[in-house]
Amino acid sequence: MSRTAKLWILWVVSTLVGGGILLAAMIYGGPLRASLLIGKTTSGHHQIELACEACHTSPFGGGEVLQEACLSCHKAELAAAKDSHPLKKFRDPRNADRLAKLNATQCVTCHREHKPDITGPMGVTLPGDYCELCHEKVGKDRPSHLNIGFDTCASAGCHNYHDNRALYEDFLEKHAGQQDVKELAIFKLRAEKNEPLEPREPLITIGVANAPADKLSDQKINNDWLATTHAQAGVNCAGCHAPDKKDAAEIADAWTDKPSTAVCTTCHAPEASSFTQGKHGMRLAKGLKSEVAGLFGIFRDKPLTPMQVSMARLPMSSKAHAEQLTCTSCHGAHTFDAMKAQVESCTSCHADEHTKAYERSSHYKLWQDEIAGVKPKGTGVSCATCHMPRQWVEDPATYSERIVANHNQNDNLRPNEKMIRSVCMECHGLGFSIDALADQNLIKRNFSGQPAVKVESIDWVKKRVEEREKAKANQ
């Protein structure tokens, strides 16, 4: 056999083997598909990085396809953000020169995936001085900004590209001079939630429990359930284990020992919706698949499994690595202890410096005092108080507004200045809040101590107000 023929055979075999590996990777996912990623995914999306079709909805689509994919998940969030750089600003013909420098009409201009070498901690891939492209003459109008590097705009606790509500000049002026800790430091919505610290008498008792007889033999499960708000509110066993079944025979036939999270959604739709928007539950979002359709449709798509703790990029407890995150991961299968879920469920998994420092913080002491009844309801600060704050939402099940915990733990966290209005200012003054969130070492200590960072934005605003007043007086 000639050398040319051998090379041809080697090329054909190599092509078939490579093609087989590629096909297997696309069909079966897992480590094989992960090996095909063209670069590390950002921390915001790495949980769904193997669900390629979540963003690449068309194999031949370009920027328009990716833009639509971004908006399919984040459109409501952007609408609620009071965007200070809305699309209409860049579609204005008067800003055509700015659009030529920075195509701000496309999400992927800033938020790119698989580009780890140029991706910052918030998933932004542009250089830190990108603000200069449009605001190069800001020092002319605001002398306070002269000689300040443009790479500090988004990192000094001053400016957020999409939402500057907590940092608008009139807001800074209105809240200048506030004391570090307010006299009445209380989280009002959490106080109004009316979660009882002491058990109440259940409306449902074991005597009227509609579970099959063989399911009522575990006394611990019975006692746990009787102490829950479910039993107190009259939610019977079949409500979760055999929904919509009333007859004993129907309940026995339809009974499932481990109900899916879809059952929780029937009563807790707002909580479930926000859960699937955050890192804890985003793999359970409707439509996310871990496999693409196979050749000629032979292979079926497969939904992503729940997030496993070992998938996290933050330091996590090794004891929790095998745990999967669903509703009952934090709330328990029959206990549904909201108090436990607000702290212990978090600290049982998270092992970063900030979390480890929590039990040495003044926030934790306040939390313990509230639980003990020493301090009023709403004065304690749990993990969930800051990272899953209460908010008013419209409940589609009841067509009314109610207070719920926002289970998207990233909603007010990245960038962390988003926490100023929704969390920090419930108890602290604006200046203290801005300085504290700009102090990375203070954050690691879970805010034990005073900020060592001074953000001068309020001082600048006060100076501008004085200058305006002086100019008026001299007219």
Protein backbone atom coordinates (compact mmCIF):
# COMPACT_ATOMS: atom_id res chain seq x y z
CA MET A 1 0.00 0.00 0.00
CA SER A 2 1.37 3.37 -0.99
CA ARG A 3 2.19 6.08 1.52
CA THR A 4 -0.54 8.31 0.01
CA ALA A 5 -3.18 5.60 0.48
CA LYS A 6 -2.13 5.12 4.11
CA LEU A 7 -2.44 8.85 4.75
CA TRP A 8 -5.90 8.86 3.18
CA ILE A 9 -7.01 5.96 5.38
CA LEU A 10 -5.58 7.70 8.46
CA TRP A 11 -7.40 10.89 7.55
CA VAL A 12 -10.74 9.07 7.03
CA VAL A 13 -10.41 7.13 10.31
CA SER A 14 -9.43 10.27 12.22
CA THR A 15 -12.38 12.15 10.74
CA LEU A 16 -14.82 9.39 11.69
CA VAL A 17 -13.45 9.13 15.23
CA GLY A 18 -13.47 12.90 15.70
CA GLY A 19 -16.97 13.17 14.24
CA GLY A 20 -18.17 10.37 16.52
CA ILE A 21 -16.75 12.10 19.59
CA LEU A 22 -18.33 15.40 18.51
CA LEU A 23 -21.72 13.74 17.92
CA ALA A 24 -21.55 11.93 21.27
CA ALA A 25 -20.67 15.18 23.01
CA MET A 26 -23.62 17.00 21.48
CA ILE A 27 -26.07 14.18 22.20
CA TYR A 28 -25.04 12.99 25.63
CA GLY A 29 -23.75 16.27 27.07
CA GLY A 30 -21.83 16.11 30.35
CA PRO A 31 -18.02 16.33 30.36
CA LEU A 32 -17.87 15.57 26.64
CA ARG A 33 -19.98 18.57 25.74
CA ALA A 34 -18.18 20.72 28.31
CA SER A 35 -14.93 19.98 26.51
CA LEU A 36 -16.36 21.65 23.40
CA LEU A 37 -16.97 25.02 25.07
CA ILE A 38 -14.90 27.69 23.35
CA GLY A 39 -14.07 29.40 26.64
CA LYS A 40 -15.04 29.61 30.31
CA THR A 41 -18.60 30.79 30.93
CA THR A 42 -19.34 33.71 33.25
CA SER A 43 -20.39 33.03 36.83
CA GLY A 44 -23.92 34.19 35.99
CA HIS A 45 -24.50 31.51 33.37
CA HIS A 46 -22.17 28.62 34.11
CA GLN A 47 -25.01 26.63 35.68
CA ILE A 48 -26.67 26.37 32.26
CA GLU A 49 -23.59 26.38 30.06
CA LEU A 50 -24.36 22.90 28.72
CA ALA A 51 -27.84 24.00 27.65
CA CYS A 52 -26.29 25.63 24.60
CA GLU A 53 -29.65 26.09 22.90
CA ALA A 54 -30.81 28.36 25.73
CA CYS A 55 -28.86 31.18 24.06
CA HIS A 56 -28.02 29.76 20.65
CA THR A 57 -31.63 29.18 19.65
CA SER A 58 -30.65 28.99 15.99
CA PRO A 59 -27.40 27.33 14.86
CA PHE A 60 -27.00 29.91 12.10
CA GLY A 61 -28.23 32.98 13.98
CA GLY A 62 -26.10 36.01 14.68
CA GLY A 63 -26.37 38.92 17.07
CA GLU A 64 -30.14 39.21 16.66
CA VAL A 65 -30.62 35.65 17.93
CA LEU A 66 -28.40 36.23 20.95
CA GLN A 67 -30.13 39.55 21.68
CA GLU A 68 -33.52 37.84 21.73
CA ALA A 69 -32.12 35.13 23.99
CA CYS A 70 -30.89 37.76 26.46
CA LEU A 71 -34.24 39.54 26.52
CA SER A 72 -36.19 36.30 26.91
CA CYS A 73 -34.69 35.96 30.40
CA HIS A 74 -33.86 39.53 31.42
CA LYS A 75 -36.47 41.74 29.74
CA ALA A 76 -38.63 42.13 32.88
CA GLU A 77 -35.57 42.81 35.01
CA LEU A 78 -34.42 45.57 32.65
CA ALA A 79 -37.91 47.08 32.59
CA ALA A 80 -37.95 47.25 36.38
CA ALA A 81 -34.45 48.71 36.57
CA LYS A 82 -35.35 52.27 35.49
CA ASP A 83 -32.57 51.91 32.94
CA SER A 84 -30.40 55.01 32.75
CA HIS A 85 -29.11 53.91 29.33
CA PRO A 86 -32.30 52.73 27.56
CA LEU A 87 -32.32 51.70 23.91
CA LYS A 88 -34.26 54.81 22.89
CA LYS A 89 -31.31 56.95 23.98
CA PHE A 90 -29.02 55.26 21.46
CA ARG A 91 -31.65 55.08 18.74
CA ASP A 92 -31.92 58.88 18.88
CA PRO A 93 -30.23 60.23 15.70
CA ARG A 94 -28.50 62.88 17.85
CA ASN A 95 -26.49 60.08 19.48
CA ALA A 96 -25.45 58.39 16.25
CA ASP A 97 -21.82 59.32 16.85
CA ARG A 98 -21.89 57.61 20.25
CA LEU A 99 -23.51 54.52 18.82
CA ALA A 100 -20.69 54.31 16.31
CA LYS A 101 -18.21 54.10 19.20
CA LEU A 102 -20.23 51.65 21.31
CA ASN A 103 -23.14 49.57 20.01
CA ALA A 104 -25.15 49.83 23.20
CA THR A 105 -28.30 48.50 21.54
CA GLN A 106 -26.97 44.95 21.81
CA CYS A 107 -26.55 43.16 25.16
CA VAL A 108 -23.64 41.13 23.83
CA THR A 109 -21.60 44.29 23.27
CA CYS A 110 -20.92 44.25 27.01
CA HIS A 111 -22.13 40.86 28.22
CA ARG A 112 -20.17 38.27 26.28
CA GLU A 113 -19.71 34.62 27.10
CA HIS A 114 -16.68 32.38 26.61
CA LYS A 115 -14.26 35.34 26.83
CA PRO A 116 -12.62 34.82 30.24
CA ASP A 117 -9.56 36.89 29.43
CA ILE A 118 -11.60 40.08 29.05
CA THR A 119 -14.56 39.31 31.35
CA GLY A 120 -14.89 41.15 34.64
CA PRO A 121 -16.56 39.83 37.81
CA MET A 122 -19.98 41.13 36.73
CA GLY A 123 -19.86 39.46 33.31
CA VAL A 124 -18.92 42.68 31.47
CA THR A 125 -16.33 42.22 28.76
CA LEU A 126 -15.53 45.80 27.80
CA PRO A 127 -12.45 47.58 29.15
CA GLY A 128 -13.00 49.32 32.46
CA ASP A 129 -12.73 52.76 30.86
CA TYR A 130 -15.57 52.24 28.36
CA CYS A 131 -17.50 55.13 29.96
CA GLU A 132 -14.95 57.47 28.42
CA LEU A 133 -16.26 56.72 24.92
CA CYS A 134 -19.31 58.89 25.62
CA HIS A 135 -18.34 60.91 28.68
CA GLU A 136 -14.81 62.04 27.86
CA LYS A 137 -15.69 65.70 28.65
CA VAL A 138 -17.42 65.06 31.98
CA GLY A 139 -14.68 66.97 33.84
CA LYS A 140 -15.70 70.16 32.01
CA ASP A 141 -19.20 70.07 33.50
CA ARG A 142 -18.25 68.49 36.80
CA PRO A 143 -14.89 69.73 38.11
CA SER A 144 -15.12 67.16 40.92
CA HIS A 145 -14.53 64.47 38.29
CA LEU A 146 -11.33 65.96 36.92
CA ASN A 147 -8.31 63.63 37.10
CA ILE A 148 -10.48 60.65 38.11
CA GLY A 149 -9.84 57.59 35.99
CA PHE A 150 -12.74 56.31 33.91
CA ASP A 151 -11.95 52.79 35.04
CA THR A 152 -13.34 53.73 38.48
CA CYS A 153 -16.84 54.75 37.31
CA ALA A 154 -18.38 51.35 37.97
CA SER A 155 -16.05 50.16 40.71
CA ALA A 156 -16.01 53.02 43.24
CA GLY A 157 -19.61 52.75 44.42
CA CYS A 158 -20.80 55.58 42.20
CA HIS A 159 -22.32 54.52 38.89
CA ASN A 160 -24.33 51.56 37.65
CA TYR A 161 -24.87 51.43 33.91
CA HIS A 162 -28.45 50.17 33.95
CA ASP A 163 -29.86 51.64 37.15
CA ASN A 164 -28.59 54.64 39.08
CA ARG A 165 -31.67 55.21 41.23
CA ALA A 166 -29.72 54.88 44.47
CA LEU A 167 -27.06 57.26 43.22
CA TYR A 168 -28.93 60.02 41.40
CA GLU A 169 -27.79 63.45 42.46
CA ASP A 170 -31.20 64.43 43.87
CA PHE A 171 -31.34 61.16 45.82
CA LEU A 172 -27.88 61.75 47.24
CA GLU A 173 -28.88 65.28 48.19
CA LYS A 174 -32.12 64.15 49.83
CA HIS A 175 -30.40 61.54 52.00
CA ALA A 176 -27.16 63.38 52.78
CA GLY A 177 -26.30 63.64 56.44
CA GLN A 178 -28.22 60.58 57.60
CA GLN A 179 -26.90 58.81 60.68
CA ASP A 180 -25.06 55.53 60.16
CA VAL A 181 -27.73 53.46 61.92
CA LYS A 182 -31.32 54.67 62.04
CA GLU A 183 -33.05 54.98 65.39
CA LEU A 184 -35.82 52.61 64.25
CA ALA A 185 -33.78 49.98 62.41
CA ILE A 186 -36.43 47.55 61.23
CA PHE A 187 -37.19 45.68 58.01
CA LYS A 188 -40.83 46.66 57.66
CA LEU A 189 -41.96 44.11 55.07
CA ARG A 190 -40.38 41.24 56.96
CA ALA A 191 -42.06 42.43 60.14
CA GLU A 192 -45.40 42.56 58.31
CA LYS A 193 -44.97 39.06 56.90
CA ASN A 194 -46.40 37.66 60.13
CA GLU A 195 -44.39 34.45 60.23
CA PRO A 196 -45.03 33.09 63.73
CA LEU A 197 -41.99 32.42 65.88
CA GLU A 198 -44.12 30.13 68.03
CA PRO A 199 -46.17 27.17 66.67
CA ARG A 200 -49.91 27.67 66.31
CA GLU A 201 -52.70 25.14 66.63
CA PRO A 202 -53.08 23.26 63.30
CA LEU A 203 -56.39 23.26 61.47
CA ILE A 204 -55.49 19.82 60.14
CA THR A 205 -54.76 17.05 62.65
CA ILE A 206 -53.62 13.47 62.21
CA GLY A 207 -57.19 12.40 62.80
CA VAL A 208 -58.32 14.04 59.57
CA ALA A 209 -55.11 13.62 57.55
CA ASN A 210 -56.02 12.17 54.16
CA ALA A 211 -52.79 10.27 53.51
CA PRO A 212 -53.02 6.47 53.04
CA ALA A 213 -52.75 4.69 56.41
CA ASP A 214 -49.31 3.24 55.68
CA LYS A 215 -47.97 6.77 55.09
CA LEU A 216 -48.91 7.93 58.59
CA SER A 217 -46.69 5.52 60.51
CA ASP A 218 -43.67 7.83 60.86
CA GLN A 219 -44.33 9.87 64.00
CA LYS A 220 -41.49 12.34 63.32
CA ILE A 221 -42.93 13.22 59.92
CA ASN A 222 -46.37 13.61 61.49
CA ASN A 223 -45.08 15.93 64.20
CA ASP A 224 -42.99 17.97 61.75
CA TRP A 225 -45.97 18.44 59.46
CA LEU A 226 -48.35 19.37 62.28
CA ALA A 227 -46.00 22.20 63.28
CA THR A 228 -45.95 23.71 59.78
CA THR A 229 -47.91 26.63 58.40
CA HIS A 230 -49.35 24.12 55.91
CA ALA A 231 -51.16 22.23 58.66
CA GLN A 232 -52.01 25.49 60.39
CA ALA A 233 -53.59 26.78 57.18
CA GLY A 234 -55.55 23.59 56.52
CA VAL A 235 -53.43 22.15 53.71
CA ASN A 236 -53.91 18.38 53.90
CA CYS A 237 -51.43 15.67 52.87
CA ALA A 238 -52.94 15.06 49.45
CA GLY A 239 -52.61 18.74 48.63
CA CYS A 240 -48.93 18.07 47.87
CA HIS A 241 -48.70 14.27 47.47
CA ALA A 242 -51.82 13.76 45.33
CA PRO A 243 -53.03 17.16 44.09
CA ASP A 244 -56.68 17.52 43.03
CA LYS A 245 -57.59 14.07 44.42
CA LYS A 246 -60.34 13.85 47.02
CA ASP A 247 -61.44 10.23 47.17
CA ALA A 248 -59.28 7.91 49.30
CA ALA A 249 -58.86 5.42 46.47
CA GLU A 250 -57.83 8.16 44.03
CA ILE A 251 -55.36 9.56 46.54
CA ALA A 252 -53.80 6.12 47.09
CA ASP A 253 -53.43 5.55 43.32
CA ALA A 254 -51.99 9.03 42.61
CA TRP A 255 -49.80 9.25 45.72
CA THR A 256 -46.15 10.25 45.20
CA ASP A 257 -43.70 10.18 48.09
CA LYS A 258 -41.55 13.01 46.72
CA PRO A 259 -43.64 15.69 44.98
CA SER A 260 -41.89 17.76 42.34
CA THR A 261 -41.28 21.49 42.63
CA ALA A 262 -44.19 21.95 40.22
CA VAL A 263 -46.49 21.15 43.13
CA CYS A 264 -44.98 23.99 45.18
CA THR A 265 -45.60 26.33 42.26
CA THR A 266 -49.37 25.87 42.43
CA CYS A 267 -49.51 27.86 45.69
CA HIS A 268 -46.18 29.69 45.67
CA ALA A 269 -45.93 30.92 42.09
CA PRO A 270 -44.11 34.23 42.79
CA GLU A 271 -41.51 32.51 44.98
CA ALA A 272 -41.01 29.71 42.46
CA SER A 273 -40.68 32.15 39.58
CA SER A 274 -37.96 34.17 41.31
CA PHE A 275 -36.22 30.94 42.39
CA THR A 276 -35.76 29.84 38.78
CA GLN A 277 -34.32 33.27 37.91
CA GLY A 278 -31.44 32.97 40.39
CA LYS A 279 -28.42 30.70 40.46
CA HIS A 280 -30.03 28.26 42.88
CA GLY A 281 -32.88 27.34 40.57
CA MET A 282 -32.02 28.56 37.09
CA ARG A 283 -31.35 25.01 35.87
CA LEU A 284 -35.03 24.26 36.55
CA ALA A 285 -36.27 27.12 34.38
CA LYS A 286 -38.86 26.03 31.86
CA GLY A 287 -37.39 24.95 28.55
CA LEU A 288 -33.74 24.54 29.56
CA LYS A 289 -32.38 21.29 28.17
CA SER A 290 -29.06 19.52 28.66
CA GLU A 291 -29.12 17.83 25.27
CA VAL A 292 -29.88 19.02 21.77
CA ALA A 293 -32.19 17.14 19.43
CA GLY A 294 -30.28 14.29 17.85
CA LEU A 295 -29.84 13.39 14.22
CA PHE A 296 -33.24 13.28 12.48
CA GLY A 297 -34.94 13.63 15.86
CA ILE A 298 -33.91 10.14 17.01
CA PHE A 299 -32.63 11.47 20.34
CA ARG A 300 -34.91 13.41 22.66
CA ASP A 301 -34.10 16.53 24.63
CA LYS A 302 -33.43 16.03 28.33
CA PRO A 303 -34.24 18.67 31.01
CA LEU A 304 -31.41 19.94 33.15
CA THR A 305 -31.16 18.38 36.59
CA PRO A 306 -31.35 20.68 39.66
CA MET A 307 -28.16 22.50 40.60
CA GLN A 308 -25.81 20.41 42.67
CA VAL A 309 -23.80 22.25 45.33
CA SER A 310 -20.53 20.92 43.88
CA MET A 311 -21.26 22.92 40.69
CA ALA A 312 -20.86 26.25 42.52
CA ARG A 313 -17.80 28.41 41.95
CA LEU A 314 -17.96 29.96 45.42
CA PRO A 315 -16.35 28.03 48.29
CA MET A 316 -18.85 25.46 49.56
CA SER A 317 -18.92 22.96 52.40
CA SER A 318 -17.63 19.58 51.24
CA LYS A 319 -20.41 17.92 53.25
CA ALA A 320 -23.01 19.54 51.01
CA HIS A 321 -21.42 18.85 47.62
CA ALA A 322 -23.84 16.07 46.70
CA GLU A 323 -26.96 18.08 47.62
CA GLN A 324 -29.33 19.17 44.86
CA LEU A 325 -31.18 22.47 45.18
CA THR A 326 -34.97 22.39 45.04
CA CYS A 327 -37.63 23.99 47.27
CA THR A 328 -37.23 21.32 49.96
CA SER A 329 -33.45 21.71 50.05
CA CYS A 330 -33.86 24.82 52.18
CA HIS A 331 -37.38 24.42 53.54
CA GLY A 332 -37.35 20.71 54.35
CA ALA A 333 -39.70 18.00 53.16
CA HIS A 334 -42.17 18.32 56.06
CA THR A 335 -40.77 20.97 58.40
CA PHE A 336 -40.94 24.07 56.15
CA ASP A 337 -39.19 26.04 58.87
CA ALA A 338 -38.83 29.55 57.44
CA MET A 339 -36.62 30.63 60.34
CA LYS A 340 -34.17 27.81 59.64
CA ALA A 341 -34.28 28.50 55.91
CA GLN A 342 -33.18 32.10 56.46
CA VAL A 343 -29.83 31.18 58.04
CA GLU A 344 -29.02 27.51 58.61
CA SER A 345 -29.94 26.47 55.09
CA CYS A 346 -27.48 29.05 53.76
CA THR A 347 -24.60 28.35 56.13
CA SER A 348 -24.90 24.58 55.69
CA CYS A 349 -23.70 24.99 52.08
CA HIS A 350 -21.80 28.27 51.77
CA ALA A 351 -18.25 28.33 53.14
CA ASP A 352 -16.88 31.66 51.85
CA GLU A 353 -15.34 34.29 54.16
CA HIS A 354 -18.47 36.45 54.21
CA THR A 355 -20.69 33.55 55.31
CA LYS A 356 -18.24 32.22 57.89
CA ALA A 357 -18.02 35.67 59.47
CA TYR A 358 -21.79 36.01 59.83
CA GLU A 359 -22.07 34.41 63.28
CA ARG A 360 -19.50 36.89 64.60
CA SER A 361 -21.36 39.90 63.22
CA SER A 362 -23.77 42.35 64.85
CA HIS A 363 -26.34 41.29 62.26
CA TYR A 364 -26.34 37.76 63.65
CA LYS A 365 -26.68 39.03 67.23
CA LEU A 366 -29.74 41.03 66.21
CA TRP A 367 -31.16 37.91 64.56
CA GLN A 368 -30.66 35.88 67.73
CA ASP A 369 -32.23 38.64 69.83
CA GLU A 370 -35.30 38.69 67.60
CA ILE A 371 -35.71 34.91 67.78
CA ALA A 372 -35.36 35.05 71.57
CA GLY A 373 -38.01 37.78 71.74
CA VAL A 374 -35.57 40.33 73.15
CA LYS A 375 -35.94 42.58 70.09
CA PRO A 376 -39.08 43.32 68.01
CA LYS A 377 -39.92 41.41 64.86
CA GLY A 378 -38.08 42.75 61.81
CA THR A 379 -35.02 43.97 63.72
CA GLY A 380 -32.95 40.82 63.16
CA VAL A 381 -30.76 40.43 60.08
CA SER A 382 -30.55 36.94 58.61
CA CYS A 383 -28.86 35.85 55.38
CA ALA A 384 -32.24 36.03 53.63
CA THR A 385 -32.97 39.50 55.01
CA CYS A 386 -30.31 40.93 52.70
CA HIS A 387 -30.07 38.40 49.89
CA MET A 388 -33.74 37.40 49.58
CA PRO A 389 -35.57 40.53 50.77
CA ARG A 390 -39.34 40.78 51.10
CA GLN A 391 -41.26 42.57 48.39
CA TRP A 392 -44.83 43.19 47.29
CA VAL A 393 -45.83 41.09 44.27
CA GLU A 394 -49.05 40.31 42.47
CA ASP A 395 -50.01 36.70 43.15
CA PRO A 396 -51.60 35.17 40.02
CA ALA A 397 -53.27 32.50 42.15
CA THR A 398 -55.26 35.02 44.20
CA TYR A 399 -55.25 38.07 41.86
CA SER A 400 -54.03 40.18 44.76
CA GLU A 401 -50.79 41.60 46.10
CA ARG A 402 -48.95 39.94 48.94
CA ILE A 403 -45.55 40.06 50.60
CA VAL A 404 -43.16 37.34 49.49
CA ALA A 405 -39.46 36.63 49.76
CA ASN A 406 -37.58 37.25 46.52
CA HIS A 407 -35.91 33.87 45.94
CA ASN A 408 -33.66 35.22 43.19
CA GLN A 409 -30.69 35.80 45.49
CA ASN A 410 -28.82 37.71 42.77
CA ASP A 411 -31.56 40.22 42.07
CA ASN A 412 -30.16 42.90 44.37
CA LEU A 413 -26.60 41.67 44.66
CA ARG A 414 -24.69 42.18 41.41
CA PRO A 415 -23.55 44.91 41.36
CA ASN A 416 -23.95 45.14 45.09
CA GLU A 417 -24.96 48.83 45.00
CA LYS A 418 -28.40 47.50 43.97
CA MET A 419 -28.83 46.53 47.64
CA ILE A 420 -28.79 50.14 48.82
CA ARG A 421 -32.50 50.88 48.39
CA SER A 422 -33.95 47.40 48.79
CA VAL A 423 -31.97 46.39 51.88
CA CYS A 424 -29.29 48.63 53.39
CA MET A 425 -31.32 51.81 53.79
CA GLU A 426 -33.97 50.02 55.84
CA CYS A 427 -31.54 50.37 58.76
CA HIS A 428 -28.58 52.49 57.62
CA GLY A 429 -27.97 55.94 56.20
CA LEU A 430 -27.15 56.33 52.52
CA GLY A 431 -23.55 57.48 53.03
CA PHE A 432 -22.74 54.60 55.35
CA SER A 433 -24.36 52.13 52.94
CA ILE A 434 -22.36 53.35 49.94
CA ASP A 435 -19.07 53.26 51.87
CA ALA A 436 -19.76 49.83 53.36
CA LEU A 437 -20.58 48.24 50.01
CA ALA A 438 -17.42 49.72 48.49
CA ASP A 439 -15.22 48.18 51.21
CA GLN A 440 -14.38 44.65 50.08
CA ASN A 441 -12.60 43.77 53.33
CA LEU A 442 -15.61 44.88 55.36
CA ILE A 443 -17.83 42.68 53.20
CA LYS A 444 -15.58 39.70 53.90
CA ARG A 445 -15.98 40.38 57.64
CA ASN A 446 -19.77 40.45 57.15
CA PHE A 447 -19.83 44.15 58.00
CA SER A 448 -18.22 43.81 61.42
CA GLY A 449 -16.68 47.22 62.03
CA GLN A 450 -16.74 50.55 60.22
CA PRO A 451 -16.05 51.17 56.51
CA ALA A 452 -12.43 51.97 55.72
CA VAL A 453 -13.46 53.31 52.29
CA LYS A 454 -14.82 56.80 51.70
CA VAL A 455 -16.89 57.39 48.56
CA GLU A 456 -17.07 61.15 48.01
CA SER A 457 -20.20 61.32 45.88
CA ILE A 458 -22.42 62.81 48.64
CA ASP A 459 -19.75 65.40 49.50
CA TRP A 460 -19.56 66.37 45.83
CA VAL A 461 -23.33 66.80 45.66
CA LYS A 462 -23.38 68.92 48.82
CA LYS A 463 -20.69 71.12 47.34
CA ARG A 464 -22.65 71.53 44.10
CA VAL A 465 -25.76 72.47 46.09
CA GLU A 466 -23.78 75.10 48.00
CA GLU A 467 -22.40 76.48 44.75
CA ARG A 468 -25.89 76.69 43.25
CA GLU A 469 -27.24 78.45 46.33
CA LYS A 470 -24.33 80.89 46.30
CA ALA A 471 -24.89 81.63 42.60
CA LYS A 472 -28.57 82.33 43.25
CA ALA A 473 -27.70 84.67 46.11
CA ASN A 474 -25.32 86.64 43.90
CA GLN A 475 -27.82 87.14 41.08
